[in-house]
N, C-alpha and C. Protein backbone atom coordinates (compact mmCIF):
# COMPACT_ATOMS: atom_id res chain seq x y z
N GLN A 1 0.83 -1.20 0.00
CA GLN A 1 0.00 0.00 0.00
C GLN A 1 0.87 1.26 0.00
N THR A 2 1.92 1.26 0.85
CA THR A 2 2.79 2.43 0.93
C THR A 2 3.53 2.65 -0.38
N ARG A 3 4.02 1.57 -1.01
CA ARG A 3 4.71 1.69 -2.30
C ARG A 3 3.77 2.22 -3.37
N MET A 4 2.52 1.76 -3.32
CA MET A 4 1.51 2.21 -4.30
C MET A 4 1.26 3.70 -4.12
N ASN A 5 1.12 4.18 -2.88
CA ASN A 5 0.90 5.60 -2.62
C ASN A 5 2.10 6.42 -3.06
N THR A 6 3.30 5.94 -2.77
CA THR A 6 4.52 6.64 -3.17
C THR A 6 4.60 6.74 -4.68
N ALA A 7 4.30 5.66 -5.38
CA ALA A 7 4.34 5.67 -6.84
C ALA A 7 3.30 6.63 -7.40
N LEU A 8 2.12 6.66 -6.82
CA LEU A 8 1.07 7.57 -7.28
C LEU A 8 1.48 9.03 -7.07
N ILE A 9 2.06 9.32 -5.91
CA ILE A 9 2.52 10.69 -5.63
C ILE A 9 3.60 11.09 -6.62
N LEU A 10 4.54 10.21 -6.89
CA LEU A 10 5.60 10.51 -7.87
C LEU A 10 5.02 10.75 -9.25
N LEU A 11 4.05 9.94 -9.67
CA LEU A 11 3.41 10.12 -10.96
C LEU A 11 2.73 11.48 -11.04
N ILE A 12 2.01 11.86 -10.00
CA ILE A 12 1.34 13.17 -9.97
C ILE A 12 2.36 14.29 -10.07
N LEU A 13 3.45 14.19 -9.31
CA LEU A 13 4.48 15.23 -9.35
C LEU A 13 5.10 15.35 -10.73
N VAL A 14 5.36 14.22 -11.39
CA VAL A 14 5.94 14.25 -12.73
C VAL A 14 4.95 14.87 -13.71
N LEU A 15 3.70 14.48 -13.64
CA LEU A 15 2.69 15.03 -14.55
C LEU A 15 2.52 16.53 -14.35
N GLU A 16 2.52 16.98 -13.11
CA GLU A 16 2.40 18.42 -12.85
C GLU A 16 3.64 19.17 -13.31
N ALA A 17 4.81 18.61 -13.04
CA ALA A 17 6.07 19.29 -13.41
C ALA A 17 6.21 19.42 -14.91
N THR A 18 5.72 18.45 -15.66
CA THR A 18 5.84 18.51 -17.11
C THR A 18 4.68 19.27 -17.76
N GLY A 19 3.72 19.67 -16.96
CA GLY A 19 2.59 20.43 -17.49
C GLY A 19 1.54 19.57 -18.15
N VAL A 20 1.66 18.24 -18.04
CA VAL A 20 0.69 17.35 -18.65
C VAL A 20 -0.65 17.44 -17.93
N ALA A 21 -0.60 17.58 -16.62
CA ALA A 21 -1.84 17.64 -15.85
C ALA A 21 -1.61 18.47 -14.60
N ALA A 22 -2.69 19.02 -14.08
CA ALA A 22 -2.65 19.75 -12.82
C ALA A 22 -3.69 19.15 -11.90
N PHE A 23 -3.30 18.84 -10.69
CA PHE A 23 -4.19 18.23 -9.72
C PHE A 23 -4.42 19.21 -8.60
N THR A 24 -5.56 19.84 -8.60
CA THR A 24 -5.90 20.77 -7.53
C THR A 24 -7.27 20.41 -7.02
N SER A 25 -7.50 20.72 -5.79
CA SER A 25 -8.81 20.45 -5.23
C SER A 25 -9.65 21.71 -5.32
N PRO A 26 -10.94 21.58 -5.60
CA PRO A 26 -11.77 22.77 -5.69
C PRO A 26 -11.94 23.42 -4.33
N MET A 27 -11.96 24.74 -4.34
CA MET A 27 -12.17 25.49 -3.10
C MET A 27 -13.45 26.31 -3.25
N ASN A 28 -14.18 26.36 -2.20
CA ASN A 28 -15.36 27.22 -2.20
C ASN A 28 -14.94 28.58 -1.69
N GLY A 29 -15.68 29.58 -2.04
CA GLY A 29 -15.37 30.90 -1.54
C GLY A 29 -14.96 31.85 -2.63
N ARG A 30 -14.31 32.93 -2.21
CA ARG A 30 -14.03 34.03 -3.11
C ARG A 30 -12.66 33.98 -3.77
N ILE A 31 -11.81 33.05 -3.36
CA ILE A 31 -10.48 33.01 -3.96
C ILE A 31 -10.60 32.60 -5.43
N PRO A 32 -9.91 33.28 -6.32
CA PRO A 32 -9.98 32.90 -7.73
C PRO A 32 -9.53 31.45 -7.92
N ALA A 33 -10.28 30.70 -8.71
CA ALA A 33 -10.02 29.28 -8.90
C ALA A 33 -8.60 29.02 -9.39
N HIS A 34 -8.07 29.92 -10.19
CA HIS A 34 -6.76 29.68 -10.78
C HIS A 34 -5.61 29.89 -9.80
N LEU A 35 -5.87 30.30 -8.57
CA LEU A 35 -4.80 30.44 -7.59
C LEU A 35 -4.71 29.23 -6.67
N GLN A 36 -5.62 28.28 -6.80
CA GLN A 36 -5.66 27.14 -5.91
C GLN A 36 -4.36 26.35 -5.99
N GLY A 37 -3.63 26.33 -4.89
CA GLY A 37 -2.45 25.51 -4.81
C GLY A 37 -1.26 25.99 -5.59
N ARG A 38 -1.32 27.16 -6.22
CA ARG A 38 -0.19 27.63 -7.00
C ARG A 38 0.24 28.99 -6.52
N SER A 39 1.36 29.42 -6.97
CA SER A 39 1.93 30.68 -6.51
C SER A 39 1.95 31.69 -7.64
N ALA A 40 3.08 32.26 -7.93
CA ALA A 40 3.19 33.38 -8.87
C ALA A 40 3.02 32.93 -10.31
N PRO A 41 2.47 33.80 -11.10
CA PRO A 41 2.44 33.52 -12.54
C PRO A 41 3.85 33.57 -13.09
N ARG A 42 4.12 32.78 -14.11
CA ARG A 42 5.45 32.79 -14.71
C ARG A 42 5.46 33.56 -16.02
N GLN A 43 4.33 34.07 -16.43
CA GLN A 43 4.24 34.72 -17.72
C GLN A 43 3.39 35.97 -17.58
N TYR A 44 3.79 37.04 -18.24
CA TYR A 44 3.03 38.28 -18.20
C TYR A 44 2.18 38.40 -19.45
N MET A 45 1.18 39.25 -19.39
CA MET A 45 0.27 39.44 -20.51
C MET A 45 1.01 39.77 -21.80
N GLY A 46 2.05 40.59 -21.69
CA GLY A 46 2.80 40.98 -22.87
C GLY A 46 3.47 39.81 -23.57
N GLU A 47 3.67 38.71 -22.84
CA GLU A 47 4.31 37.53 -23.40
C GLU A 47 3.28 36.55 -23.97
N ALA A 48 2.02 36.87 -23.89
CA ALA A 48 0.97 35.99 -24.40
C ALA A 48 -0.07 36.83 -25.15
N PRO A 49 0.32 37.39 -26.32
CA PRO A 49 -0.57 38.31 -27.02
C PRO A 49 -1.90 37.70 -27.42
N GLU A 50 -1.92 36.38 -27.71
CA GLU A 50 -3.19 35.76 -28.12
C GLU A 50 -4.20 35.80 -26.97
N LEU A 51 -3.74 35.56 -25.75
CA LEU A 51 -4.64 35.63 -24.60
C LEU A 51 -5.00 37.09 -24.32
N ARG A 52 -4.03 37.98 -24.46
CA ARG A 52 -4.26 39.40 -24.23
C ARG A 52 -5.37 39.91 -25.14
N MET A 53 -5.37 39.48 -26.40
CA MET A 53 -6.39 39.93 -27.34
C MET A 53 -7.77 39.42 -26.92
N LYS A 54 -7.84 38.18 -26.45
CA LYS A 54 -9.12 37.62 -26.01
C LYS A 54 -9.68 38.38 -24.81
N LEU A 55 -8.79 38.86 -23.95
CA LEU A 55 -9.21 39.49 -22.71
C LEU A 55 -9.20 41.01 -22.77
N ASN A 56 -8.89 41.56 -23.92
CA ASN A 56 -8.72 43.00 -24.08
C ASN A 56 -9.94 43.79 -23.64
N THR A 57 -11.11 43.23 -23.77
CA THR A 57 -12.33 43.95 -23.43
C THR A 57 -12.63 43.95 -21.94
N GLN A 58 -11.82 43.28 -21.13
CA GLN A 58 -12.09 43.16 -19.70
C GLN A 58 -11.31 44.17 -18.85
N ASN A 59 -10.64 45.13 -19.47
CA ASN A 59 -9.86 46.15 -18.76
C ASN A 59 -8.86 45.52 -17.80
N ILE A 60 -8.16 44.53 -18.24
CA ILE A 60 -7.18 43.84 -17.42
C ILE A 60 -5.85 44.59 -17.51
N PRO A 61 -5.22 44.87 -16.37
CA PRO A 61 -3.94 45.58 -16.42
C PRO A 61 -2.91 44.82 -17.25
N LYS A 62 -2.11 45.55 -18.02
CA LYS A 62 -1.14 44.91 -18.92
C LYS A 62 -0.08 44.13 -18.17
N ASP A 63 0.16 44.46 -16.90
CA ASP A 63 1.19 43.74 -16.15
C ASP A 63 0.62 42.56 -15.37
N CYS A 64 -0.62 42.20 -15.65
CA CYS A 64 -1.24 41.08 -14.96
C CYS A 64 -0.59 39.78 -15.39
N GLY A 65 -0.41 38.86 -14.46
CA GLY A 65 0.22 37.59 -14.77
C GLY A 65 -0.75 36.56 -15.28
N ILE A 66 -0.20 35.54 -15.93
CA ILE A 66 -0.98 34.44 -16.46
C ILE A 66 -0.51 33.16 -15.79
N ASP A 67 -1.44 32.38 -15.26
CA ASP A 67 -1.09 31.12 -14.65
C ASP A 67 -0.55 30.18 -15.72
N PRO A 68 0.65 29.61 -15.51
CA PRO A 68 1.24 28.78 -16.54
C PRO A 68 0.51 27.46 -16.77
N ILE A 69 -0.29 27.03 -15.81
CA ILE A 69 -0.99 25.76 -15.95
C ILE A 69 -2.34 25.95 -16.64
N THR A 70 -3.11 26.92 -16.20
CA THR A 70 -4.46 27.09 -16.73
C THR A 70 -4.55 28.15 -17.82
N GLY A 71 -3.57 29.05 -17.89
CA GLY A 71 -3.64 30.14 -18.85
C GLY A 71 -4.58 31.24 -18.40
N GLU A 72 -5.07 31.17 -17.16
CA GLU A 72 -5.99 32.18 -16.64
C GLU A 72 -5.23 33.33 -15.99
N ILE A 73 -5.92 34.45 -15.83
CA ILE A 73 -5.35 35.61 -15.16
C ILE A 73 -5.16 35.31 -13.68
N CYS A 74 -4.00 35.67 -13.13
CA CYS A 74 -3.74 35.49 -11.71
C CYS A 74 -4.11 36.75 -10.95
N GLY A 75 -4.90 36.60 -9.94
CA GLY A 75 -5.22 37.72 -9.07
C GLY A 75 -4.14 37.91 -8.04
N GLY A 76 -4.30 38.85 -7.18
CA GLY A 76 -3.29 39.05 -6.16
C GLY A 76 -3.74 40.01 -5.10
N ASP A 77 -2.91 40.25 -4.15
CA ASP A 77 -3.25 41.13 -3.05
C ASP A 77 -2.01 41.59 -2.33
N PRO A 78 -0.91 41.82 -2.99
CA PRO A 78 0.29 42.12 -2.21
C PRO A 78 0.21 43.43 -1.44
N SER A 79 0.86 43.42 -0.28
CA SER A 79 1.02 44.66 0.48
C SER A 79 2.44 44.73 1.00
N LEU A 80 2.95 45.96 1.08
CA LEU A 80 4.29 46.20 1.58
C LEU A 80 4.19 47.27 2.65
N ILE A 81 4.69 46.97 3.83
CA ILE A 81 4.67 47.91 4.95
C ILE A 81 6.12 48.19 5.33
N ILE A 82 6.49 49.46 5.28
CA ILE A 82 7.89 49.85 5.52
C ILE A 82 7.96 50.81 6.70
N LYS A 83 9.00 50.63 7.51
CA LYS A 83 9.32 51.58 8.57
C LYS A 83 10.77 52.00 8.36
N THR A 84 11.04 53.30 8.54
CA THR A 84 12.40 53.80 8.41
C THR A 84 12.62 54.95 9.39
N ASN A 85 13.87 55.14 9.76
CA ASN A 85 14.20 56.26 10.64
C ASN A 85 14.53 57.52 9.85
N VAL A 86 14.50 57.44 8.54
CA VAL A 86 14.75 58.58 7.68
C VAL A 86 13.42 59.31 7.43
N VAL A 87 13.47 60.62 7.38
CA VAL A 87 12.28 61.42 7.07
C VAL A 87 12.25 61.65 5.55
N LEU A 88 11.15 61.24 4.92
CA LEU A 88 11.03 61.39 3.48
C LEU A 88 10.46 62.74 3.07
N GLY A 89 9.85 63.44 4.01
CA GLY A 89 9.31 64.77 3.73
C GLY A 89 8.26 64.75 2.63
N ASP A 90 8.39 65.69 1.69
CA ASP A 90 7.39 65.81 0.62
C ASP A 90 7.59 64.77 -0.49
N LYS A 91 8.53 63.85 -0.29
CA LYS A 91 8.78 62.81 -1.29
C LYS A 91 8.09 61.49 -0.94
N VAL A 92 7.22 61.51 0.08
CA VAL A 92 6.52 60.29 0.50
C VAL A 92 5.65 59.76 -0.64
N LYS A 93 4.80 60.60 -1.19
CA LYS A 93 3.87 60.12 -2.22
C LYS A 93 4.60 59.59 -3.46
N PRO A 94 5.59 60.32 -4.00
CA PRO A 94 6.32 59.75 -5.14
C PRO A 94 6.99 58.41 -4.80
N PHE A 95 7.52 58.31 -3.57
CA PHE A 95 8.12 57.04 -3.15
C PHE A 95 7.08 55.93 -3.15
N LEU A 96 5.91 56.19 -2.57
CA LEU A 96 4.86 55.17 -2.50
C LEU A 96 4.43 54.70 -3.89
N LEU A 97 4.31 55.64 -4.81
CA LEU A 97 3.90 55.29 -6.18
C LEU A 97 4.95 54.41 -6.86
N LYS A 98 6.23 54.75 -6.67
CA LYS A 98 7.31 53.93 -7.24
C LYS A 98 7.37 52.56 -6.56
N ALA A 99 7.19 52.53 -5.25
CA ALA A 99 7.23 51.27 -4.51
C ALA A 99 6.07 50.36 -4.94
N SER A 100 4.91 50.93 -5.21
CA SER A 100 3.77 50.16 -5.67
C SER A 100 4.08 49.46 -6.99
N LYS A 101 4.68 50.19 -7.91
CA LYS A 101 5.08 49.60 -9.20
C LYS A 101 6.15 48.53 -9.00
N ALA A 102 7.07 48.78 -8.07
CA ALA A 102 8.14 47.81 -7.81
C ALA A 102 7.59 46.49 -7.27
N VAL A 103 6.64 46.56 -6.36
CA VAL A 103 6.02 45.35 -5.81
C VAL A 103 5.26 44.60 -6.90
N ALA A 104 4.49 45.34 -7.69
CA ALA A 104 3.71 44.70 -8.76
C ALA A 104 4.61 43.98 -9.75
N SER A 105 5.64 44.66 -10.20
CA SER A 105 6.52 44.04 -11.20
C SER A 105 7.35 42.91 -10.58
N GLY A 106 7.80 43.09 -9.35
CA GLY A 106 8.60 42.06 -8.69
C GLY A 106 7.84 40.78 -8.42
N LEU A 107 6.56 40.91 -8.07
CA LEU A 107 5.74 39.73 -7.76
C LEU A 107 4.92 39.24 -8.94
N GLY A 108 4.91 40.02 -10.03
CA GLY A 108 4.13 39.62 -11.20
C GLY A 108 2.65 39.72 -10.99
N LYS A 109 2.22 40.73 -10.22
CA LYS A 109 0.80 40.91 -9.94
C LYS A 109 0.35 42.29 -10.43
N PRO A 110 -0.93 42.45 -10.70
CA PRO A 110 -1.43 43.75 -11.15
C PRO A 110 -1.23 44.82 -10.08
N GLU A 111 -0.79 45.99 -10.50
CA GLU A 111 -0.60 47.07 -9.53
C GLU A 111 -1.92 47.48 -8.89
N SER A 112 -3.02 47.24 -9.58
CA SER A 112 -4.32 47.61 -9.03
C SER A 112 -4.63 46.87 -7.73
N TYR A 113 -3.91 45.79 -7.43
CA TYR A 113 -4.12 45.03 -6.20
C TYR A 113 -3.13 45.38 -5.10
N VAL A 114 -2.10 46.17 -5.40
CA VAL A 114 -1.00 46.42 -4.48
C VAL A 114 -1.32 47.54 -3.50
N ALA A 115 -0.94 47.34 -2.23
CA ALA A 115 -1.05 48.37 -1.20
C ALA A 115 0.33 48.57 -0.59
N VAL A 116 0.74 49.83 -0.43
CA VAL A 116 2.04 50.15 0.15
C VAL A 116 1.85 51.21 1.23
N SER A 117 2.56 51.03 2.34
CA SER A 117 2.52 51.99 3.45
C SER A 117 3.94 52.24 3.91
N ILE A 118 4.22 53.48 4.30
CA ILE A 118 5.53 53.77 4.88
C ILE A 118 5.35 54.65 6.11
N SER A 119 6.07 54.32 7.15
CA SER A 119 6.13 55.14 8.36
C SER A 119 7.56 55.64 8.43
N ASP A 120 7.76 56.93 8.16
CA ASP A 120 9.11 57.48 8.18
C ASP A 120 9.37 58.21 9.49
N GLY A 121 10.64 58.55 9.74
CA GLY A 121 11.01 59.26 10.95
C GLY A 121 10.82 58.45 12.22
N GLN A 122 10.89 57.13 12.13
CA GLN A 122 10.69 56.25 13.28
C GLN A 122 11.96 56.15 14.13
N ALA A 123 11.80 55.91 15.42
CA ALA A 123 12.93 55.64 16.30
C ALA A 123 13.35 54.19 16.03
N MET A 124 14.55 54.01 15.46
CA MET A 124 15.01 52.67 15.08
C MET A 124 16.51 52.55 15.24
N VAL A 125 16.94 51.32 15.49
CA VAL A 125 18.36 50.99 15.42
C VAL A 125 18.50 49.72 14.60
N PHE A 126 19.62 49.58 13.95
CA PHE A 126 19.92 48.40 13.11
C PHE A 126 21.39 48.10 13.35
N GLY A 127 21.70 46.94 13.86
CA GLY A 127 23.09 46.60 14.15
C GLY A 127 23.71 47.49 15.21
N GLY A 128 22.91 47.95 16.15
CA GLY A 128 23.41 48.79 17.23
C GLY A 128 23.64 50.23 16.86
N SER A 129 23.18 50.65 15.67
CA SER A 129 23.39 52.02 15.20
C SER A 129 22.07 52.63 14.76
N ASP A 130 21.94 53.95 15.00
CA ASP A 130 20.73 54.62 14.53
C ASP A 130 20.96 55.31 13.18
N ALA A 131 21.99 54.90 12.45
CA ALA A 131 22.22 55.39 11.09
C ALA A 131 21.01 54.99 10.22
N PRO A 132 20.82 55.64 9.07
CA PRO A 132 19.66 55.33 8.23
C PRO A 132 19.48 53.83 8.00
N CYS A 133 18.23 53.38 8.22
CA CYS A 133 17.89 51.96 8.06
C CYS A 133 16.40 51.84 7.76
N ALA A 134 16.00 50.63 7.40
CA ALA A 134 14.58 50.37 7.12
C ALA A 134 14.26 48.91 7.40
N LEU A 135 13.03 48.67 7.83
CA LEU A 135 12.47 47.34 8.02
C LEU A 135 11.18 47.28 7.22
N ALA A 136 10.94 46.15 6.56
CA ALA A 136 9.72 46.03 5.76
C ALA A 136 9.17 44.61 5.82
N CYS A 137 7.87 44.50 5.61
CA CYS A 137 7.19 43.21 5.50
C CYS A 137 6.36 43.24 4.22
N CYS A 138 6.52 42.20 3.43
CA CYS A 138 5.76 42.07 2.18
C CYS A 138 4.87 40.84 2.33
N TYR A 139 3.58 41.04 2.15
CA TYR A 139 2.59 39.97 2.28
C TYR A 139 1.93 39.73 0.93
N SER A 140 1.70 38.46 0.59
CA SER A 140 1.04 38.17 -0.68
C SER A 140 0.39 36.80 -0.62
N LEU A 141 -0.69 36.67 -1.36
CA LEU A 141 -1.34 35.38 -1.58
C LEU A 141 -0.61 34.75 -2.76
N GLY A 142 0.36 33.89 -2.46
CA GLY A 142 1.19 33.33 -3.51
C GLY A 142 2.23 34.35 -3.97
N ALA A 143 3.01 33.98 -4.94
CA ALA A 143 4.04 34.82 -5.56
C ALA A 143 5.23 35.09 -4.65
N ILE A 144 5.28 34.45 -3.48
CA ILE A 144 6.42 34.60 -2.59
C ILE A 144 7.37 33.43 -2.87
N ASN A 145 8.48 33.76 -3.48
CA ASN A 145 9.50 32.77 -3.81
C ASN A 145 10.83 33.51 -3.98
N GLN A 146 11.92 32.77 -4.06
CA GLN A 146 13.24 33.39 -4.07
C GLN A 146 13.43 34.39 -5.22
N PRO A 147 13.10 34.05 -6.47
CA PRO A 147 13.32 35.04 -7.53
C PRO A 147 12.48 36.31 -7.35
N ASN A 148 11.22 36.15 -6.98
CA ASN A 148 10.36 37.32 -6.78
C ASN A 148 10.81 38.15 -5.58
N ASN A 149 11.16 37.46 -4.48
CA ASN A 149 11.63 38.17 -3.29
C ASN A 149 12.89 38.97 -3.60
N LYS A 150 13.77 38.37 -4.37
CA LYS A 150 15.01 39.06 -4.76
C LYS A 150 14.70 40.29 -5.61
N ALA A 151 13.77 40.15 -6.55
CA ALA A 151 13.40 41.27 -7.42
C ALA A 151 12.81 42.42 -6.61
N VAL A 152 11.89 42.10 -5.69
CA VAL A 152 11.28 43.15 -4.85
C VAL A 152 12.34 43.79 -3.96
N THR A 153 13.20 42.97 -3.36
CA THR A 153 14.24 43.49 -2.48
C THR A 153 15.16 44.44 -3.24
N SER A 154 15.55 44.06 -4.43
CA SER A 154 16.43 44.91 -5.24
C SER A 154 15.77 46.25 -5.56
N LYS A 155 14.51 46.20 -6.00
CA LYS A 155 13.80 47.42 -6.40
C LYS A 155 13.54 48.35 -5.20
N ILE A 156 13.09 47.78 -4.09
CA ILE A 156 12.79 48.59 -2.91
C ILE A 156 14.08 49.14 -2.30
N SER A 157 15.14 48.34 -2.29
CA SER A 157 16.43 48.82 -1.78
C SER A 157 16.95 49.99 -2.61
N ALA A 158 16.78 49.91 -3.92
CA ALA A 158 17.21 51.02 -4.79
C ALA A 158 16.41 52.28 -4.48
N LEU A 159 15.11 52.13 -4.28
CA LEU A 159 14.27 53.30 -3.97
C LEU A 159 14.65 53.90 -2.62
N LEU A 160 14.87 53.05 -1.62
CA LEU A 160 15.27 53.55 -0.30
C LEU A 160 16.68 54.13 -0.34
N GLY A 161 17.51 53.61 -1.23
CA GLY A 161 18.86 54.13 -1.40
C GLY A 161 18.88 55.59 -1.81
N GLU A 162 17.83 56.04 -2.50
CA GLU A 162 17.72 57.44 -2.89
C GLU A 162 17.61 58.36 -1.68
N PHE A 163 17.29 57.79 -0.51
CA PHE A 163 17.16 58.56 0.73
C PHE A 163 18.34 58.30 1.66
N GLY A 164 19.41 57.72 1.12
CA GLY A 164 20.61 57.49 1.91
C GLY A 164 20.58 56.25 2.78
N ILE A 165 19.69 55.33 2.49
CA ILE A 165 19.62 54.09 3.26
C ILE A 165 20.36 53.01 2.48
N PRO A 166 21.51 52.55 3.00
CA PRO A 166 22.26 51.53 2.27
C PRO A 166 21.54 50.18 2.29
N SER A 167 21.71 49.41 1.23
CA SER A 167 21.00 48.13 1.11
C SER A 167 21.37 47.14 2.22
N ASN A 168 22.54 47.30 2.82
CA ASN A 168 22.91 46.39 3.91
C ASN A 168 22.34 46.84 5.27
N ARG A 169 21.46 47.84 5.23
CA ARG A 169 20.74 48.27 6.45
C ARG A 169 19.23 48.23 6.20
N ILE A 170 18.83 47.30 5.37
CA ILE A 170 17.40 47.10 5.04
C ILE A 170 17.08 45.62 5.19
N TYR A 171 16.06 45.33 5.98
CA TYR A 171 15.51 43.97 6.04
C TYR A 171 14.11 44.02 5.44
N ILE A 172 13.82 43.06 4.56
CA ILE A 172 12.46 42.89 4.04
C ILE A 172 12.09 41.43 4.28
N ASN A 173 11.06 41.23 5.07
CA ASN A 173 10.55 39.88 5.35
C ASN A 173 9.36 39.61 4.43
N PHE A 174 9.31 38.41 3.88
CA PHE A 174 8.26 38.03 2.93
C PHE A 174 7.38 36.94 3.54
N PHE A 175 6.06 37.11 3.37
CA PHE A 175 5.10 36.18 3.94
C PHE A 175 4.08 35.77 2.89
N ASP A 176 3.95 34.46 2.65
CA ASP A 176 2.94 33.91 1.76
C ASP A 176 1.72 33.63 2.62
N VAL A 177 0.69 34.43 2.48
CA VAL A 177 -0.45 34.40 3.37
C VAL A 177 -1.58 33.54 2.79
N PRO A 178 -2.11 32.59 3.57
CA PRO A 178 -3.24 31.78 3.11
C PRO A 178 -4.48 32.64 2.85
N ALA A 179 -5.30 32.22 1.92
CA ALA A 179 -6.50 32.97 1.55
C ALA A 179 -7.41 33.26 2.74
N ALA A 180 -7.49 32.33 3.68
CA ALA A 180 -8.35 32.51 4.84
C ALA A 180 -7.84 33.59 5.78
N ASN A 181 -6.58 33.99 5.62
CA ASN A 181 -5.98 34.99 6.49
C ASN A 181 -5.86 36.37 5.84
N ILE A 182 -6.58 36.57 4.75
CA ILE A 182 -6.57 37.87 4.08
C ILE A 182 -8.00 38.39 4.00
N GLY A 183 -8.26 39.46 4.73
CA GLY A 183 -9.59 40.07 4.71
C GLY A 183 -9.71 41.06 3.57
N TYR A 184 -10.85 41.05 2.91
CA TYR A 184 -11.09 41.97 1.80
C TYR A 184 -12.59 42.01 1.53
N GLY A 185 -13.13 43.17 1.33
CA GLY A 185 -14.54 43.30 0.97
C GLY A 185 -15.50 42.77 2.02
N GLY A 186 -15.14 42.87 3.29
CA GLY A 186 -16.02 42.43 4.36
C GLY A 186 -15.96 40.93 4.64
N ALA A 187 -15.05 40.22 4.01
CA ALA A 187 -14.89 38.78 4.23
C ALA A 187 -13.41 38.45 4.05
N THR A 188 -13.10 37.21 3.76
CA THR A 188 -11.74 36.84 3.42
C THR A 188 -11.75 36.27 1.99
N PHE A 189 -10.55 36.09 1.43
CA PHE A 189 -10.50 35.51 0.10
C PHE A 189 -10.97 34.05 0.09
N ALA A 190 -11.01 33.42 1.26
CA ALA A 190 -11.51 32.05 1.35
C ALA A 190 -13.02 32.00 1.58
N GLY A 191 -13.62 33.14 1.82
CA GLY A 191 -15.07 33.17 2.01
C GLY A 191 -15.48 33.98 3.20
């Protein structure tokens, strides 16, 4: 029995890895069906013009991702919360707008779903020093993986670098949040 189960699991993994088949369980609730059990899209709309043309009438953002298994649009909900001891002054809004684009492109999600917050001028120390530094948390339903995390870290570090914060004084923690733990529209993405 154990050998049979192991063989079946290996067969499923091979079929999924080769794209021959996808085995997902249906979920009830508000989470988009195409996010069940998968993470970030591997392809952007610009790389799939035939699908883009079919969906052109739906006002879908051009940077929206496509699920590589189903070919469907991937939804998202990323948020980035930043704290820094540097005062951004009148450059807060431009920073937020750039950071929003950075999160969207780094995670492969539509910017229309991205939320960014920054608390500047905070009392902080990093490595025993109160020199310019920043701490951030990035939350997303899927799309949290090493390549995406690296892309977001690089983009956000560059933006914070414009305010004199060196990249070696920035921590960004990434969290892949289950649908049931994300509230939106008076409920959660799981229902």
